[in-house]
C-alpha atoms as a PDB file:
ATOM      1  CA  UNK A   1      30.683  40.105  -4.948  1.00  0.00           C
ATOM      2  CA  UNK A   2      34.319  40.666  -3.971  1.00  0.00           C
ATOM      3  CA  UNK A   3      36.498  37.617  -3.509  1.00  0.00           C
ATOM      4  CA  UNK A   4      37.796  37.161   0.006  1.00  0.00           C
ATOM      5  CA  UNK A   5      41.561  36.990   0.506  1.00  0.00           C
ATOM      6  CA  UNK A   6      41.430  33.399   1.799  1.00  0.00           C
ATOM      7  CA  UNK A   7      39.428  32.169  -1.234  1.00  0.00           C
ATOM      8  CA  UNK A   8      42.048  33.256  -3.775  1.00  0.00           C
ATOM      9  CA  UNK A   9      44.238  30.177  -3.332  1.00  0.00           C
ATOM     10  CA  UNK A  10      47.850  30.340  -4.430  1.00  0.00           C
ATOM     11  CA  UNK A  11      49.818  31.072  -7.555  1.00  0.00           C
ATOM     12  CA  UNK A  12      52.354  28.639  -9.037  1.00  0.00           C
ATOM     13  CA  UNK A  13      55.196  30.208 -10.995  1.00  0.00           C
ATOM     14  CA  UNK A  14      57.360  27.985 -13.193  1.00  0.00           C
ATOM     15  CA  UNK A  15      60.894  29.404 -13.115  1.00  0.00           C
ATOM     16  CA  UNK A  16      62.482  26.790 -15.348  1.00  0.00           C
ATOM     17  CA  UNK A  17      64.154  28.129 -18.458  1.00  0.00           C
ATOM     18  CA  UNK A  18      62.541  26.869 -21.641  1.00  0.00           C
ATOM     19  CA  UNK A  19      64.404  29.028 -24.106  1.00  0.00           C
ATOM     20  CA  UNK A  20      67.403  27.656 -25.952  1.00  0.00           C
ATOM     21  CA  UNK A  21      70.658  28.645 -24.288  1.00  0.00           C
ATOM     22  CA  UNK A  22      74.065  28.239 -25.875  1.00  0.00           C
ATOM     23  CA  UNK A  23      75.997  25.231 -24.637  1.00  0.00           C
ATOM     24  CA  UNK A  24      78.688  25.997 -22.048  1.00  0.00           C
ATOM     25  CA  UNK A  25      82.055  26.766 -23.589  1.00  0.00           C
ATOM     26  CA  UNK A  26      84.099  23.615 -24.062  1.00  0.00           C
ATOM     27  CA  UNK A  27      81.033  21.358 -24.353  1.00  0.00           C
ATOM     28  CA  UNK A  28      81.208  19.258 -27.519  1.00  0.00           C
ATOM     29  CA  UNK A  29      78.276  19.469 -29.940  1.00  0.00           C
ATOM     30  CA  UNK A  30      75.568  16.800 -29.584  1.00  0.00           C
ATOM     31  CA  UNK A  31      76.755  13.437 -30.825  1.00  0.00           C
ATOM     32  CA  UNK A  32      80.436  14.451 -30.786  1.00  0.00           C
ATOM     33  CA  UNK A  33      81.361  12.158 -27.901  1.00  0.00           C
ATOM     34  CA  UNK A  34      80.306   8.539 -27.539  1.00  0.00           C
ATOM     35  CA  UNK A  35      79.579   8.761 -23.797  1.00  0.00           C
ATOM     36  CA  UNK A  36      79.012  11.443 -21.217  1.00  0.00           C
ATOM     37  CA  UNK A  37      82.390  10.622 -19.688  1.00  0.00           C
ATOM     38  CA  UNK A  38      84.007  11.019 -23.109  1.00  0.00           C
ATOM     39  CA  UNK A  39      82.358  14.415 -23.301  1.00  0.00           C
ATOM     40  CA  UNK A  40      84.033  15.358 -20.026  1.00  0.00           C
ATOM     41  CA  UNK A  41      87.415  14.041 -21.109  1.00  0.00           C
ATOM     42  CA  UNK A  42      87.146  15.795 -24.476  1.00  0.00           C
ATOM     43  CA  UNK A  43      86.224  12.825 -26.655  1.00  0.00           C
ATOM     44  CA  UNK A  44      87.118   9.133 -26.925  1.00  0.00           C
ATOM     45  CA  UNK A  45      90.802   9.932 -27.415  1.00  0.00           C
ATOM     46  CA  UNK A  46      91.017  12.177 -24.355  1.00  0.00           C
ATOM     47  CA  UNK A  47      91.438  15.885 -23.893  1.00  0.00           C
ATOM     48  CA  UNK A  48      93.052  18.240 -26.346  1.00  0.00           C
ATOM     49  CA  UNK A  49      96.437  19.004 -24.727  1.00  0.00           C
ATOM     50  CA  UNK A  50      96.201  22.644 -25.796  1.00  0.00           C
ATOM     51  CA  UNK A  51      92.628  23.153 -24.568  1.00  0.00           C
ATOM     52  CA  UNK A  52      91.900  24.659 -21.174  1.00  0.00           C
ATOM     53  CA  UNK A  53      91.258  21.990 -18.531  1.00  0.00           C
ATOM     54  CA  UNK A  54      87.630  21.048 -17.960  1.00  0.00           C
ATOM     55  CA  UNK A  55      86.271  22.902 -14.975  1.00  0.00           C
ATOM     56  CA  UNK A  56      88.892  25.638 -15.270  1.00  0.00           C
ATOM     57  CA  UNK A  57      87.524  28.859 -13.801  1.00  0.00           C
ATOM     58  CA  UNK A  58      86.281  31.222 -16.470  1.00  0.00           C
ATOM     59  CA  UNK A  59      85.481  34.729 -15.258  1.00  0.00           C
ATOM     60  CA  UNK A  60      81.961  35.916 -15.960  1.00  0.00           C
ATOM     61  CA  UNK A  61      80.680  32.471 -16.941  1.00  0.00           C
ATOM     62  CA  UNK A  62      77.617  31.437 -14.942  1.00  0.00           C
ATOM     63  CA  UNK A  63      77.590  28.032 -13.283  1.00  0.00           C
ATOM     64  CA  UNK A  64      74.514  26.013 -14.185  1.00  0.00           C
ATOM     65  CA  UNK A  65      73.407  22.499 -13.260  1.00  0.00           C
ATOM     66  CA  UNK A  66      75.076  20.839 -16.259  1.00  0.00           C
ATOM     67  CA  UNK A  67      78.378  22.587 -15.542  1.00  0.00           C
ATOM     68  CA  UNK A  68      78.185  21.456 -11.907  1.00  0.00           C
ATOM     69  CA  UNK A  69      77.480  17.840 -12.908  1.00  0.00           C
ATOM     70  CA  UNK A  70      80.233  18.076 -15.547  1.00  0.00           C
ATOM     71  CA  UNK A  71      82.666  19.090 -12.791  1.00  0.00           C
ATOM     72  CA  UNK A  72      81.673  16.185 -10.535  1.00  0.00           C
ATOM     73  CA  UNK A  73      82.018  13.789 -13.464  1.00  0.00           C
ATOM     74  CA  UNK A  74      85.513  15.117 -14.149  1.00  0.00           C
ATOM     75  CA  UNK A  75      86.443  14.446 -10.528  1.00  0.00           C
ATOM     76  CA  UNK A  76      85.104  10.894 -10.737  1.00  0.00           C
ATOM     77  CA  UNK A  77      87.095  10.223 -13.920  1.00  0.00           C
ATOM     78  CA  UNK A  78      90.218  11.548 -12.262  1.00  0.00           C
ATOM     79  CA  UNK A  79      89.663   9.270  -9.236  1.00  0.00           C
ATOM     80  CA  UNK A  80      89.050   6.298 -11.538  1.00  0.00           C
ATOM     81  CA  UNK A  81      92.446   6.899 -13.131  1.00  0.00           C
ATOM     82  CA  UNK A  82      90.850   7.748 -16.501  1.00  0.00           C
ATOM     83  CA  UNK A  83      91.932  11.386 -16.476  1.00  0.00           C
ATOM     84  CA  UNK A  84      95.047  13.145 -15.174  1.00  0.00           C
ATOM     85  CA  UNK A  85      94.997  15.489 -12.204  1.00  0.00           C
ATOM     86  CA  UNK A  86      94.511  18.996 -13.665  1.00  0.00           C
ATOM     87  CA  UNK A  87      97.415  20.548 -11.760  1.00  0.00           C
ATOM     88  CA  UNK A  88     100.004  17.755 -11.553  1.00  0.00           C
ATOM     89  CA  UNK A  89      99.137  15.742 -14.653  1.00  0.00           C
ATOM     90  CA  UNK A  90      99.497  12.632 -12.489  1.00  0.00           C
ATOM     91  CA  UNK A  91      97.090   9.718 -13.051  1.00  0.00           C
ATOM     92  CA  UNK A  92      96.115   7.850  -9.880  1.00  0.00           C
ATOM     93  CA  UNK A  93      93.321   5.445  -8.973  1.00  0.00           C
ATOM     94  CA  UNK A  94      91.426   6.300  -5.818  1.00  0.00           C
ATOM     95  CA  UNK A  95      88.391   4.025  -6.026  1.00  0.00           C
ATOM     96  CA  UNK A  96      86.904   5.061  -2.668  1.00  0.00           C
ATOM     97  CA  UNK A  97      86.805   8.703  -3.806  1.00  0.00           C
ATOM     98  CA  UNK A  98      85.457   7.676  -7.221  1.00  0.00           C
ATOM     99  CA  UNK A  99      82.640   5.692  -5.569  1.00  0.00           C
ATOM    100  CA  UNK A 100      81.806   8.608  -3.290  1.00  0.00           C
ATOM    101  CA  UNK A 101      81.577  10.997  -6.249  1.00  0.00           C
ATOM    102  CA  UNK A 102      79.443   8.567  -8.281  1.00  0.00           C
ATOM    103  CA  UNK A 103      77.141   8.085  -5.280  1.00  0.00           C
ATOM    104  CA  UNK A 104      76.869  11.867  -4.940  1.00  0.00           C
ATOM    105  CA  UNK A 105      75.822  12.137  -8.600  1.00  0.00           C
ATOM    106  CA  UNK A 106      73.213   9.398  -8.024  1.00  0.00           C
ATOM    107  CA  UNK A 107      71.916  11.295  -4.984  1.00  0.00           C
ATOM    108  CA  UNK A 108      71.618  14.454  -7.096  1.00  0.00           C
ATOM    109  CA  UNK A 109      69.718  12.474  -9.721  1.00  0.00           C
ATOM    110  CA  UNK A 110      67.298  11.169  -7.107  1.00  0.00           C
ATOM    111  CA  UNK A 111      66.765  14.521  -5.371  1.00  0.00           C
ATOM    112  CA  UNK A 112      66.304  16.510  -8.604  1.00  0.00           C
ATOM    113  CA  UNK A 113      63.928  14.034 -10.266  1.00  0.00           C
ATOM    114  CA  UNK A 114      61.152  15.939 -12.006  1.00  0.00           C
ATOM    115  CA  UNK A 115      62.960  19.281 -11.723  1.00  0.00           C
ATOM    116  CA  UNK A 116      65.474  18.957 -14.567  1.00  0.00           C
ATOM    117  CA  UNK A 117      65.179  19.656 -18.258  1.00  0.00           C
ATOM    118  CA  UNK A 118      65.155  16.618 -20.552  1.00  0.00           C
ATOM    119  CA  UNK A 119      68.721  17.416 -21.628  1.00  0.00           C
ATOM    120  CA  UNK A 120      69.937  17.658 -18.011  1.00  0.00           C
ATOM    121  CA  UNK A 121      68.234  14.354 -17.141  1.00  0.00           C
ATOM    122  CA  UNK A 122      69.795  12.601 -20.148  1.00  0.00           C
ATOM    123  CA  UNK A 123      73.257  13.964 -19.422  1.00  0.00           C
ATOM    124  CA  UNK A 124      73.136  13.083 -15.717  1.00  0.00           C
ATOM    125  CA  UNK A 125      71.723   9.585 -16.369  1.00  0.00           C
ATOM    126  CA  UNK A 126      74.267   8.807 -19.097  1.00  0.00           C
ATOM    127  CA  UNK A 127      77.122  10.115 -16.971  1.00  0.00           C
ATOM    128  CA  UNK A 128      76.154   8.005 -13.941  1.00  0.00           C
ATOM    129  CA  UNK A 129      75.694   4.896 -16.095  1.00  0.00           C
ATOM    130  CA  UNK A 130      79.060   5.344 -17.792  1.00  0.00           C
ATOM    131  CA  UNK A 131      80.902   6.103 -14.543  1.00  0.00           C
ATOM    132  CA  UNK A 132      79.405   3.027 -12.857  1.00  0.00           C
ATOM    133  CA  UNK A 133      80.634   0.820 -15.710  1.00  0.00           C
ATOM    134  CA  UNK A 134      84.078   2.398 -15.535  1.00  0.00           C
ATOM    135  CA  UNK A 135      84.107   1.880 -11.757  1.00  0.00           C
ATOM    136  CA  UNK A 136      83.367  -1.842 -12.172  1.00  0.00           C
ATOM    137  CA  UNK A 137      86.163  -2.135 -14.759  1.00  0.00           C
ATOM    138  CA  UNK A 138      88.598  -0.247 -12.520  1.00  0.00           C
ATOM    139  CA  UNK A 139      87.710  -2.369  -9.486  1.00  0.00           C
ATOM    140  CA  UNK A 140      88.340  -5.582 -11.442  1.00  0.00           C
ATOM    141  CA  UNK A 141      91.814  -4.550 -12.591  1.00  0.00           C
END
Protein backbone atom coordinates (compact mmCIF):
# COMPACT_ATOMS: atom_id res chain seq x y z
CA UNK A 1 0.00 0.00 0.00
CA UNK A 2 1.50 3.33 -1.08
CA UNK A 3 2.04 5.95 1.58
CA UNK A 4 0.00 9.09 1.10
CA UNK A 5 1.86 12.39 0.83
CA UNK A 6 0.27 13.77 4.02
CA UNK A 7 1.28 10.70 6.09
CA UNK A 8 5.01 11.10 5.40
CA UNK A 9 5.57 13.73 8.10
CA UNK A 10 8.63 15.93 7.89
CA UNK A 11 12.37 15.54 7.73
CA UNK A 12 14.74 17.21 10.22
CA UNK A 13 18.20 18.02 8.91
CA UNK A 14 20.94 18.93 11.39
CA UNK A 15 23.20 21.48 9.70
CA UNK A 16 25.56 22.00 12.62
CA UNK A 17 29.19 21.27 11.90
CA UNK A 18 30.55 18.43 13.99
CA UNK A 19 33.90 18.05 12.32
CA UNK A 20 36.98 19.65 13.82
CA UNK A 21 37.77 22.98 12.20
CA UNK A 22 41.02 24.85 12.67
CA UNK A 23 40.80 27.72 15.13
CA UNK A 24 40.50 31.18 13.56
CA UNK A 25 43.84 32.80 12.89
CA UNK A 26 45.02 34.81 15.88
CA UNK A 27 43.10 32.67 18.39
CA UNK A 28 45.40 31.43 21.15
CA UNK A 29 45.57 27.68 21.75
CA UNK A 30 43.29 26.28 24.49
CA UNK A 31 44.53 27.21 27.93
CA UNK A 32 46.86 29.94 26.63
CA UNK A 33 44.84 32.80 28.10
CA UNK A 34 43.43 32.92 31.62
CA UNK A 35 40.08 34.44 30.60
CA UNK A 36 38.07 34.92 27.45
CA UNK A 37 38.80 38.64 27.60
CA UNK A 38 42.51 37.88 27.87
CA UNK A 39 42.13 35.76 24.77
CA UNK A 40 40.69 38.77 22.95
CA UNK A 41 43.41 41.11 24.19
CA UNK A 42 46.13 38.60 23.29
CA UNK A 43 46.88 37.23 26.76
CA UNK A 44 47.13 38.55 30.32
CA UNK A 45 49.85 41.03 29.35
CA UNK A 46 47.88 42.49 26.44
CA UNK A 47 48.27 42.32 22.71
CA UNK A 48 51.49 41.71 20.86
CA UNK A 49 52.37 45.16 19.45
CA UNK A 50 53.55 43.61 16.20
CA UNK A 51 50.50 41.37 15.72
CA UNK A 52 47.60 42.43 13.54
CA UNK A 53 44.77 43.99 15.56
CA UNK A 54 42.01 41.63 16.65
CA UNK A 55 39.09 41.88 14.28
CA UNK A 56 41.28 43.23 11.47
CA UNK A 57 39.73 42.32 8.13
CA UNK A 58 41.40 39.32 6.56
CA UNK A 59 40.44 38.65 2.95
CA UNK A 60 39.03 35.21 2.26
CA UNK A 61 38.56 34.35 5.94
CA UNK A 62 35.00 33.28 6.74
CA UNK A 63 33.22 34.91 9.65
CA UNK A 64 31.80 32.37 12.08
CA UNK A 65 29.93 32.75 15.36
CA UNK A 66 33.07 32.70 17.53
CA UNK A 67 34.74 35.37 15.38
CA UNK A 68 31.61 37.53 15.65
CA UNK A 69 31.48 37.14 19.45
CA UNK A 70 35.25 37.77 19.60
CA UNK A 71 34.69 41.07 17.77
CA UNK A 72 31.92 42.17 20.15
CA UNK A 73 34.11 41.26 23.12
CA UNK A 74 36.93 43.37 21.69
CA UNK A 75 34.56 46.32 21.43
CA UNK A 76 33.43 45.87 25.03
CA UNK A 77 37.05 45.76 26.25
CA UNK A 78 37.81 48.91 24.32
CA UNK A 79 34.79 50.68 25.87
CA UNK A 80 35.82 49.49 29.34
CA UNK A 81 39.21 51.14 28.83
CA UNK A 82 41.01 47.77 28.93
CA UNK A 83 42.13 47.89 25.31
CA UNK A 84 43.23 50.74 23.03
CA UNK A 85 41.18 51.92 20.08
CA UNK A 86 42.51 49.98 17.06
CA UNK A 87 42.97 53.05 14.87
CA UNK A 88 44.00 55.80 17.31
CA UNK A 89 45.64 53.75 20.05
CA UNK A 90 43.73 55.92 22.53
CA UNK A 91 42.33 54.29 25.69
CA UNK A 92 38.99 55.72 26.85
CA UNK A 93 36.27 54.52 29.20
CA UNK A 94 32.76 54.65 27.81
CA UNK A 95 30.79 52.60 30.32
CA UNK A 96 27.39 53.13 28.66
CA UNK A 97 28.72 51.64 25.40
CA UNK A 98 30.45 48.83 27.30
CA UNK A 99 27.18 47.95 29.08
CA UNK A 100 25.28 48.00 25.80
CA UNK A 101 27.79 45.62 24.19
CA UNK A 102 27.77 43.27 27.20
CA UNK A 103 23.96 43.26 27.16
CA UNK A 104 24.04 42.46 23.44
CA UNK A 105 26.32 39.48 24.12
CA UNK A 106 23.93 38.30 26.86
CA UNK A 107 21.01 38.63 24.43
CA UNK A 108 22.92 36.53 21.88
CA UNK A 109 23.57 33.92 24.57
CA UNK A 110 19.88 33.77 25.43
CA UNK A 111 18.64 33.65 21.83
CA UNK A 112 21.17 31.02 20.69
CA UNK A 113 20.71 28.70 23.68
CA UNK A 114 20.66 25.11 22.47
CA UNK A 115 21.98 26.01 19.01
CA UNK A 116 25.69 26.44 19.77
CA UNK A 117 28.51 23.95 19.97
CA UNK A 118 29.89 23.24 23.45
CA UNK A 119 32.99 25.29 22.63
CA UNK A 120 30.92 28.28 21.45
CA UNK A 121 28.76 28.11 24.60
CA UNK A 122 31.83 27.98 26.86
CA UNK A 123 33.53 30.86 25.08
CA UNK A 124 30.42 33.07 25.08
CA UNK A 125 29.61 32.30 28.74
CA UNK A 126 33.18 32.92 29.91
CA UNK A 127 33.41 36.13 27.91
CA UNK A 128 30.16 37.53 29.33
CA UNK A 129 31.16 36.58 32.88
CA UNK A 130 34.58 38.18 32.56
CA UNK A 131 33.24 41.35 30.91
CA UNK A 132 30.60 41.76 33.63
CA UNK A 133 33.28 41.56 36.33
CA UNK A 134 35.44 44.06 34.46
CA UNK A 135 32.42 46.36 34.09
CA UNK A 136 31.79 46.30 37.85
CA UNK A 137 35.47 47.10 38.50
CA UNK A 138 35.44 49.92 35.94
CA UNK A 139 32.23 51.39 37.37
CA UNK A 140 33.71 51.44 40.89
CA UNK A 141 36.85 53.32 39.86
